[in-house]
Amino acid sequence: MAMLVTQLAAATAAVAWMGSEWLLRGRPSALGLVSGAVGGLVAVTPASGFITPASALLIGAVAGVGCYLGATRC
């Protein structure tokens, strides 16, 4: 289960970063996709043994958008 939720959170964060970038800048980038995946991995790793797949999706989405805004708005 830990491997599943880690993969889900990373993929969700990558898509969330890419979607945020697409909405706010007009086009997504490959660097943004990879940055979102790394942000999702960082966010989910401490909890990966204790959460459900639905929680991993939520953590990934919040991490992807939050990391994008933190990296580009500061």
PDB file of N, CA and C in Angstrom:
ATOM      1  N   MET A   1       0.822  -1.185   0.000  1.00  0.00           N
ATOM      2  CA  MET A   1       0.000   0.000   0.000  1.00  0.00           C
ATOM      3  C   MET A   1       0.874   1.261   0.000  1.00  0.00           C
ATOM      4  N   ALA A   2       1.997   1.203   0.692  1.00  0.00           N
ATOM      5  CA  ALA A   2       2.883   2.377   0.727  1.00  0.00           C
ATOM      6  C   ALA A   2       3.394   2.721  -0.668  1.00  0.00           C
ATOM      7  N   MET A   3       3.697   1.708  -1.456  1.00  0.00           N
ATOM      8  CA  MET A   3       4.167   1.970  -2.824  1.00  0.00           C
ATOM      9  C   MET A   3       3.054   2.560  -3.678  1.00  0.00           C
ATOM     10  N   LEU A   4       1.846   2.059  -3.518  1.00  0.00           N
ATOM     11  CA  LEU A   4       0.709   2.561  -4.287  1.00  0.00           C
ATOM     12  C   LEU A   4       0.430   4.022  -3.978  1.00  0.00           C
ATOM     13  N   VAL A   5       0.339   4.362  -2.700  1.00  0.00           N
ATOM     14  CA  VAL A   5       0.001   5.749  -2.353  1.00  0.00           C
ATOM     15  C   VAL A   5       1.126   6.701  -2.731  1.00  0.00           C
ATOM     16  N   THR A   6       2.364   6.233  -2.698  1.00  0.00           N
ATOM     17  CA  THR A   6       3.482   7.081  -3.114  1.00  0.00           C
ATOM     18  C   THR A   6       3.385   7.398  -4.603  1.00  0.00           C
ATOM     19  N   GLN A   7       3.093   6.392  -5.402  1.00  0.00           N
ATOM     20  CA  GLN A   7       2.948   6.607  -6.841  1.00  0.00           C
ATOM     21  C   GLN A   7       1.756   7.501  -7.164  1.00  0.00           C
ATOM     22  N   LEU A   8       0.634   7.267  -6.470  1.00  0.00           N
ATOM     23  CA  LEU A   8      -0.560   8.082  -6.707  1.00  0.00           C
ATOM     24  C   LEU A   8      -0.321   9.554  -6.373  1.00  0.00           C
ATOM     25  N   ALA A   9       0.296   9.803  -5.245  1.00  0.00           N
ATOM     26  CA  ALA A   9       0.538  11.189  -4.838  1.00  0.00           C
ATOM     27  C   ALA A   9       1.498  11.884  -5.799  1.00  0.00           C
ATOM     28  N   ALA A  10       2.535  11.189  -6.229  1.00  0.00           N
ATOM     29  CA  ALA A  10       3.483  11.795  -7.158  1.00  0.00           C
ATOM     30  C   ALA A  10       2.813  12.118  -8.495  1.00  0.00           C
ATOM     31  N   ALA A  11       2.025  11.189  -9.008  1.00  0.00           N
ATOM     32  CA  ALA A  11       1.349  11.418 -10.284  1.00  0.00           C
ATOM     33  C   ALA A  11       0.314  12.532 -10.179  1.00  0.00           C
ATOM     34  N   THR A  12      -0.432  12.556  -9.090  1.00  0.00           N
ATOM     35  CA  THR A  12      -1.450  13.589  -8.899  1.00  0.00           C
ATOM     36  C   THR A  12      -0.804  14.963  -8.756  1.00  0.00           C
ATOM     37  N   ALA A  13       0.292  15.034  -8.026  1.00  0.00           N
ATOM     38  CA  ALA A  13       0.982  16.311  -7.857  1.00  0.00           C
ATOM     39  C   ALA A  13       1.549  16.804  -9.186  1.00  0.00           C
ATOM     40  N   ALA A  14       2.068  15.892  -9.995  1.00  0.00           N
ATOM     41  CA  ALA A  14       2.589  16.286 -11.306  1.00  0.00           C
ATOM     42  C   ALA A  14       1.484  16.855 -12.184  1.00  0.00           C
ATOM     43  N   VAL A  15       0.336  16.207 -12.191  1.00  0.00           N
ATOM     44  CA  VAL A  15      -0.792  16.691 -12.994  1.00  0.00           C
ATOM     45  C   VAL A  15      -1.336  18.002 -12.426  1.00  0.00           C
ATOM     46  N   ALA A  16      -1.369  18.127 -11.098  1.00  0.00           N
ATOM     47  CA  ALA A  16      -1.862  19.362 -10.482  1.00  0.00           C
ATOM     48  C   ALA A  16      -0.940  20.526 -10.798  1.00  0.00           C
ATOM     49  N   TRP A  17       0.367  20.323 -10.726  1.00  0.00           N
ATOM     50  CA  TRP A  17       1.324  21.384 -11.081  1.00  0.00           C
ATOM     51  C   TRP A  17       1.144  21.763 -12.538  1.00  0.00           C
ATOM     52  N   MET A  18       1.069  20.755 -13.395  1.00  0.00           N
ATOM     53  CA  MET A  18       0.923  21.020 -14.822  1.00  0.00           C
ATOM     54  C   MET A  18      -0.385  21.754 -15.119  1.00  0.00           C
ATOM     55  N   GLY A  19      -1.461  21.365 -14.464  1.00  0.00           N
ATOM     56  CA  GLY A  19      -2.737  22.042 -14.665  1.00  0.00           C
ATOM     57  C   GLY A  19      -2.704  23.482 -14.178  1.00  0.00           C
ATOM     58  N   SER A  20      -2.083  23.703 -13.036  1.00  0.00           N
ATOM     59  CA  SER A  20      -1.952  25.064 -12.507  1.00  0.00           C
ATOM     60  C   SER A  20      -1.130  25.933 -13.449  1.00  0.00           C
ATOM     61  N   GLU A  21      -0.052  25.366 -13.938  1.00  0.00           N
ATOM     62  CA  GLU A  21       0.811  26.110 -14.857  1.00  0.00           C
ATOM     63  C   GLU A  21       0.063  26.413 -16.160  1.00  0.00           C
ATOM     64  N   TRP A  22      -0.711  25.470 -16.618  1.00  0.00           N
ATOM     65  CA  TRP A  22      -1.474  25.649 -17.851  1.00  0.00           C
ATOM     66  C   TRP A  22      -2.519  26.753 -17.681  1.00  0.00           C
ATOM     67  N   LEU A  23      -3.197  26.754 -16.542  1.00  0.00           N
ATOM     68  CA  LEU A  23      -4.215  27.779 -16.294  1.00  0.00           C
ATOM     69  C   LEU A  23      -3.616  29.171 -16.122  1.00  0.00           C
ATOM     70  N   LEU A  24      -2.498  29.268 -15.413  1.00  0.00           N
ATOM     71  CA  LEU A  24      -1.955  30.581 -15.074  1.00  0.00           C
ATOM     72  C   LEU A  24      -0.945  31.117 -16.091  1.00  0.00           C
ATOM     73  N   ARG A  25      -0.284  30.249 -16.839  1.00  0.00           N
ATOM     74  CA  ARG A  25       0.726  30.707 -17.792  1.00  0.00           C
ATOM     75  C   ARG A  25       0.385  30.400 -19.241  1.00  0.00           C
ATOM     76  N   GLY A  26      -0.614  29.585 -19.461  1.00  0.00           N
ATOM     77  CA  GLY A  26      -1.029  29.295 -20.823  1.00  0.00           C
ATOM     78  C   GLY A  26      -0.442  28.051 -21.455  1.00  0.00           C
ATOM     79  N   ARG A  27       0.602  27.495 -20.845  1.00  0.00           N
ATOM     80  CA  ARG A  27       1.162  26.253 -21.379  1.00  0.00           C
ATOM     81  C   ARG A  27       1.955  25.539 -20.282  1.00  0.00           C
ATOM     82  N   PRO A  28       1.861  24.228 -20.243  1.00  0.00           N
ATOM     83  CA  PRO A  28       2.632  23.473 -19.249  1.00  0.00           C
ATOM     84  C   PRO A  28       4.057  23.228 -19.726  1.00  0.00           C
ATOM     85  N   SER A  29       4.924  22.842 -18.815  1.00  0.00           N
ATOM     86  CA  SER A  29       6.309  22.539 -19.183  1.00  0.00           C
ATOM     87  C   SER A  29       6.714  21.185 -18.607  1.00  0.00           C
ATOM     88  N   ALA A  30       7.703  20.586 -19.221  1.00  0.00           N
ATOM     89  CA  ALA A  30       8.213  19.308 -18.727  1.00  0.00           C
ATOM     90  C   ALA A  30       8.887  19.480 -17.369  1.00  0.00           C
ATOM     91  N   LEU A  31       9.583  20.595 -17.190  1.00  0.00           N
ATOM     92  CA  LEU A  31      10.209  20.861 -15.894  1.00  0.00           C
ATOM     93  C   LEU A  31       9.154  20.982 -14.803  1.00  0.00           C
ATOM     94  N   GLY A  32       8.038  21.608 -15.115  1.00  0.00           N
ATOM     95  CA  GLY A  32       6.950  21.709 -14.154  1.00  0.00           C
ATOM     96  C   GLY A  32       6.369  20.356 -13.807  1.00  0.00           C
ATOM     97  N   LEU A  33       6.234  19.491 -14.783  1.00  0.00           N
ATOM     98  CA  LEU A  33       5.719  18.149 -14.543  1.00  0.00           C
ATOM     99  C   LEU A  33       6.622  17.382 -13.577  1.00  0.00           C
ATOM    100  N   VAL A  34       7.922  17.452 -13.806  1.00  0.00           N
ATOM    101  CA  VAL A  34       8.873  16.753 -12.944  1.00  0.00           C
ATOM    102  C   VAL A  34       8.928  17.404 -11.560  1.00  0.00           C
ATOM    103  N   SER A  35       8.869  18.713 -11.501  1.00  0.00           N
ATOM    104  CA  SER A  35       8.881  19.413 -10.216  1.00  0.00           C
ATOM    105  C   SER A  35       7.657  19.051  -9.392  1.00  0.00           C
ATOM    106  N   GLY A  36       6.515  18.933 -10.035  1.00  0.00           N
ATOM    107  CA  GLY A  36       5.307  18.518  -9.332  1.00  0.00           C
ATOM    108  C   GLY A  36       5.419  17.116  -8.788  1.00  0.00           C
ATOM    109  N   ALA A  37       6.004  16.212  -9.559  1.00  0.00           N
ATOM    110  CA  ALA A  37       6.180  14.839  -9.088  1.00  0.00           C
ATOM    111  C   ALA A  37       7.082  14.787  -7.860  1.00  0.00           C
ATOM    112  N   VAL A  38       8.156  15.558  -7.881  1.00  0.00           N
ATOM    113  CA  VAL A  38       9.062  15.597  -6.728  1.00  0.00           C
ATOM    114  C   VAL A  38       8.349  16.192  -5.515  1.00  0.00           C
ATOM    115  N   GLY A  39       7.574  17.246  -5.728  1.00  0.00           N
ATOM    116  CA  GLY A  39       6.806  17.832  -4.630  1.00  0.00           C
ATOM    117  C   GLY A  39       5.822  16.837  -4.025  1.00  0.00           C
ATOM    118  N   GLY A  40       5.181  16.058  -4.863  1.00  0.00           N
ATOM    119  CA  GLY A  40       4.257  15.038  -4.370  1.00  0.00           C
ATOM    120  C   GLY A  40       4.966  13.957  -3.578  1.00  0.00           C
ATOM    121  N   LEU A  41       6.137  13.558  -4.037  1.00  0.00           N
ATOM    122  CA  LEU A  41       6.908  12.562  -3.298  1.00  0.00           C
ATOM    123  C   LEU A  41       7.334  13.086  -1.929  1.00  0.00           C
ATOM    124  N   VAL A  42       7.769  14.315  -1.895  1.00  0.00           N
ATOM    125  CA  VAL A  42       8.179  14.922  -0.621  1.00  0.00           C
ATOM    126  C   VAL A  42       6.999  15.009   0.337  1.00  0.00           C
ATOM    127  N   ALA A  43       5.843  15.366  -0.181  1.00  0.00           N
ATOM    128  CA  ALA A  43       4.676  15.552   0.681  1.00  0.00           C
ATOM    129  C   ALA A  43       4.125  14.242   1.230  1.00  0.00           C
ATOM    130  N   VAL A  44       4.161  13.181   0.455  1.00  0.00           N
ATOM    131  CA  VAL A  44       3.499  11.944   0.865  1.00  0.00           C
ATOM    132  C   VAL A  44       4.415  10.979   1.615  1.00  0.00           C
ATOM    133  N   THR A  45       5.705  11.097   1.456  1.00  0.00           N
ATOM    134  CA  THR A  45       6.616  10.104   2.026  1.00  0.00           C
ATOM    135  C   THR A  45       6.445   9.889   3.529  1.00  0.00           C
ATOM    136  N   PRO A  46       6.333  10.917   4.359  1.00  0.00           N
ATOM    137  CA  PRO A  46       6.186  10.652   5.795  1.00  0.00           C
ATOM    138  C   PRO A  46       4.911   9.883   6.158  1.00  0.00           C
ATOM    139  N   ALA A  47       3.873  10.024   5.366  1.00  0.00           N
ATOM    140  CA  ALA A  47       2.602   9.391   5.708  1.00  0.00           C
ATOM    141  C   ALA A  47       2.309   8.150   4.882  1.00  0.00           C
ATOM    142  N   SER A  48       3.209   7.740   4.014  1.00  0.00           N
ATOM    143  CA  SER A  48       2.888   6.713   3.015  1.00  0.00           C
ATOM    144  C   SER A  48       2.483   5.372   3.612  1.00  0.00           C
ATOM    145  N   GLY A  49       2.895   5.046   4.777  1.00  0.00           N
ATOM    146  CA  GLY A  49       2.522   3.770   5.387  1.00  0.00           C
ATOM    147  C   GLY A  49       1.209   3.801   6.132  1.00  0.00           C
ATOM    148  N   PHE A  50       0.576   4.954   6.219  1.00  0.00           N
ATOM    149  CA  PHE A  50      -0.597   5.098   7.074  1.00  0.00           C
ATOM    150  C   PHE A  50      -1.842   5.631   6.376  1.00  0.00           C
ATOM    151  N   ILE A  51      -1.773   5.987   5.109  1.00  0.00           N
ATOM    152  CA  ILE A  51      -2.901   6.646   4.447  1.00  0.00           C
ATOM    153  C   ILE A  51      -3.539   5.750   3.394  1.00  0.00           C
ATOM    154  N   THR A  52      -4.732   6.140   2.966  1.00  0.00           N
ATOM    155  CA  THR A  52      -5.464   5.423   1.926  1.00  0.00           C
ATOM    156  C   THR A  52      -5.159   6.050   0.561  1.00  0.00           C
ATOM    157  N   PRO A  53      -5.500   5.369  -0.515  1.00  0.00           N
ATOM    158  CA  PRO A  53      -5.295   5.957  -1.836  1.00  0.00           C
ATOM    159  C   PRO A  53      -6.041   7.284  -2.043  1.00  0.00           C
ATOM    160  N   ALA A  54      -7.234   7.413  -1.477  1.00  0.00           N
ATOM    161  CA  ALA A  54      -7.969   8.677  -1.601  1.00  0.00           C
ATOM    162  C   ALA A  54      -7.211   9.814  -0.916  1.00  0.00           C
ATOM    163  N   SER A  55      -6.627   9.527   0.221  1.00  0.00           N
ATOM    164  CA  SER A  55      -5.831  10.542   0.912  1.00  0.00           C
ATOM    165  C   SER A  55      -4.586  10.908   0.114  1.00  0.00           C
ATOM    166  N   ALA A  56      -4.004   9.925  -0.559  1.00  0.00           N
ATOM    167  CA  ALA A  56      -2.821  10.191  -1.387  1.00  0.00           C
ATOM    168  C   ALA A  56      -3.180  11.120  -2.534  1.00  0.00           C
ATOM    169  N   LEU A  57      -4.356  10.942  -3.118  1.00  0.00           N
ATOM    170  CA  LEU A  57      -4.787  11.837  -4.191  1.00  0.00           C
ATOM    171  C   LEU A  57      -4.938  13.264  -3.675  1.00  0.00           C
ATOM    172  N   LEU A  58      -5.517  13.408  -2.504  1.00  0.00           N
ATOM    173  CA  LEU A  58      -5.692  14.737  -1.913  1.00  0.00           C
ATOM    174  C   LEU A  58      -4.345  15.376  -1.582  1.00  0.00           C
ATOM    175  N   ILE A  59      -3.470  14.616  -0.966  1.00  0.00           N
ATOM    176  CA  ILE A  59      -2.146  15.144  -0.620  1.00  0.00           C
ATOM    177  C   ILE A  59      -1.391  15.549  -1.881  1.00  0.00           C
ATOM    178  N   GLY A  60      -1.469  14.729  -2.907  1.00  0.00           N
ATOM    179  CA  GLY A  60      -0.791  15.042  -4.161  1.00  0.00           C
ATOM    180  C   GLY A  60      -1.327  16.303  -4.817  1.00  0.00           C
ATOM    181  N   ALA A  61      -2.643  16.454  -4.824  1.00  0.00           N
ATOM    182  CA  ALA A  61      -3.237  17.648  -5.445  1.00  0.00           C
ATOM    183  C   ALA A  61      -2.848  18.917  -4.692  1.00  0.00           C
ATOM    184  N   VAL A  62      -2.918  18.863  -3.384  1.00  0.00           N
ATOM    185  CA  VAL A  62      -2.549  20.035  -2.579  1.00  0.00           C
ATOM    186  C   VAL A  62      -1.055  20.343  -2.728  1.00  0.00           C
ATOM    187  N   ALA A  63      -0.237  19.304  -2.740  1.00  0.00           N
ATOM    188  CA  ALA A  63       1.210  19.512  -2.880  1.00  0.00           C
ATOM    189  C   ALA A  63       1.558  20.081  -4.251  1.00  0.00           C
ATOM    190  N   GLY A  64       0.924  19.585  -5.290  1.00  0.00           N
ATOM    191  CA  GLY A  64       1.223  20.078  -6.635  1.00  0.00           C
ATOM    192  C   GLY A  64       0.891  21.543  -6.803  1.00  0.00           C
ATOM    193  N   VAL A  65      -0.300  21.922  -6.399  1.00  0.00           N
ATOM    194  CA  VAL A  65      -0.711  23.332  -6.514  1.00  0.00           C
ATOM    195  C   VAL A  65       0.096  24.207  -5.561  1.00  0.00           C
ATOM    196  N   GLY A  66       0.273  23.738  -4.334  1.00  0.00           N
ATOM    197  CA  GLY A  66       1.018  24.519  -3.342  1.00  0.00           C
ATOM    198  C   GLY A  66       2.464  24.739  -3.732  1.00  0.00           C
ATOM    199  N   CYS A  67       3.106  23.706  -4.231  1.00  0.00           N
ATOM    200  CA  CYS A  67       4.500  23.845  -4.666  1.00  0.00           C
ATOM    201  C   CYS A  67       4.615  24.753  -5.877  1.00  0.00           C
ATOM    202  N   TYR A  68       3.663  24.660  -6.792  1.00  0.00           N
ATOM    203  CA  TYR A  68       3.698  25.555  -7.956  1.00  0.00           C
ATOM    204  C   TYR A  68       3.573  27.004  -7.517  1.00  0.00           C
ATOM    205  N   LEU A  69       2.606  27.278  -6.676  1.00  0.00           N
ATOM    206  CA  LEU A  69       2.429  28.660  -6.223  1.00  0.00           C
ATOM    207  C   LEU A  69       3.622  29.137  -5.411  1.00  0.00           C
ATOM    208  N   GLY A  70       4.160  28.260  -4.581  1.00  0.00           N
ATOM    209  CA  GLY A  70       5.332  28.634  -3.793  1.00  0.00           C
ATOM    210  C   GLY A  70       6.570  28.888  -4.641  1.00  0.00           C
ATOM    211  N   ALA A  71       6.720  28.140  -5.698  1.00  0.00           N
ATOM    212  CA  ALA A  71       7.913  28.274  -6.542  1.00  0.00           C
ATOM    213  C   ALA A  71       7.819  29.454  -7.504  1.00  0.00           C
ATOM    214  N   THR A  72       6.611  29.839  -7.870  1.00  0.00           N
ATOM    215  CA  THR A  72       6.500  30.877  -8.888  1.00  0.00           C
ATOM    216  C   THR A  72       5.983  32.213  -8.371  1.00  0.00           C
ATOM    217  N   ARG A  73       5.365  32.251  -7.231  1.00  0.00           N
ATOM    218  CA  ARG A  73       4.769  33.492  -6.727  1.00  0.00           C
ATOM    219  C   ARG A  73       5.615  34.190  -5.675  1.00  0.00           C
ATOM    220  N   CYS A  74       6.681  33.583  -5.200  1.00  0.00           N
ATOM    221  CA  CYS A  74       7.483  34.213  -4.148  1.00  0.00           C
ATOM    222  C   CYS A  74       8.613  35.019  -4.714  1.00  0.00           C
TER     223      CYS A  74
END
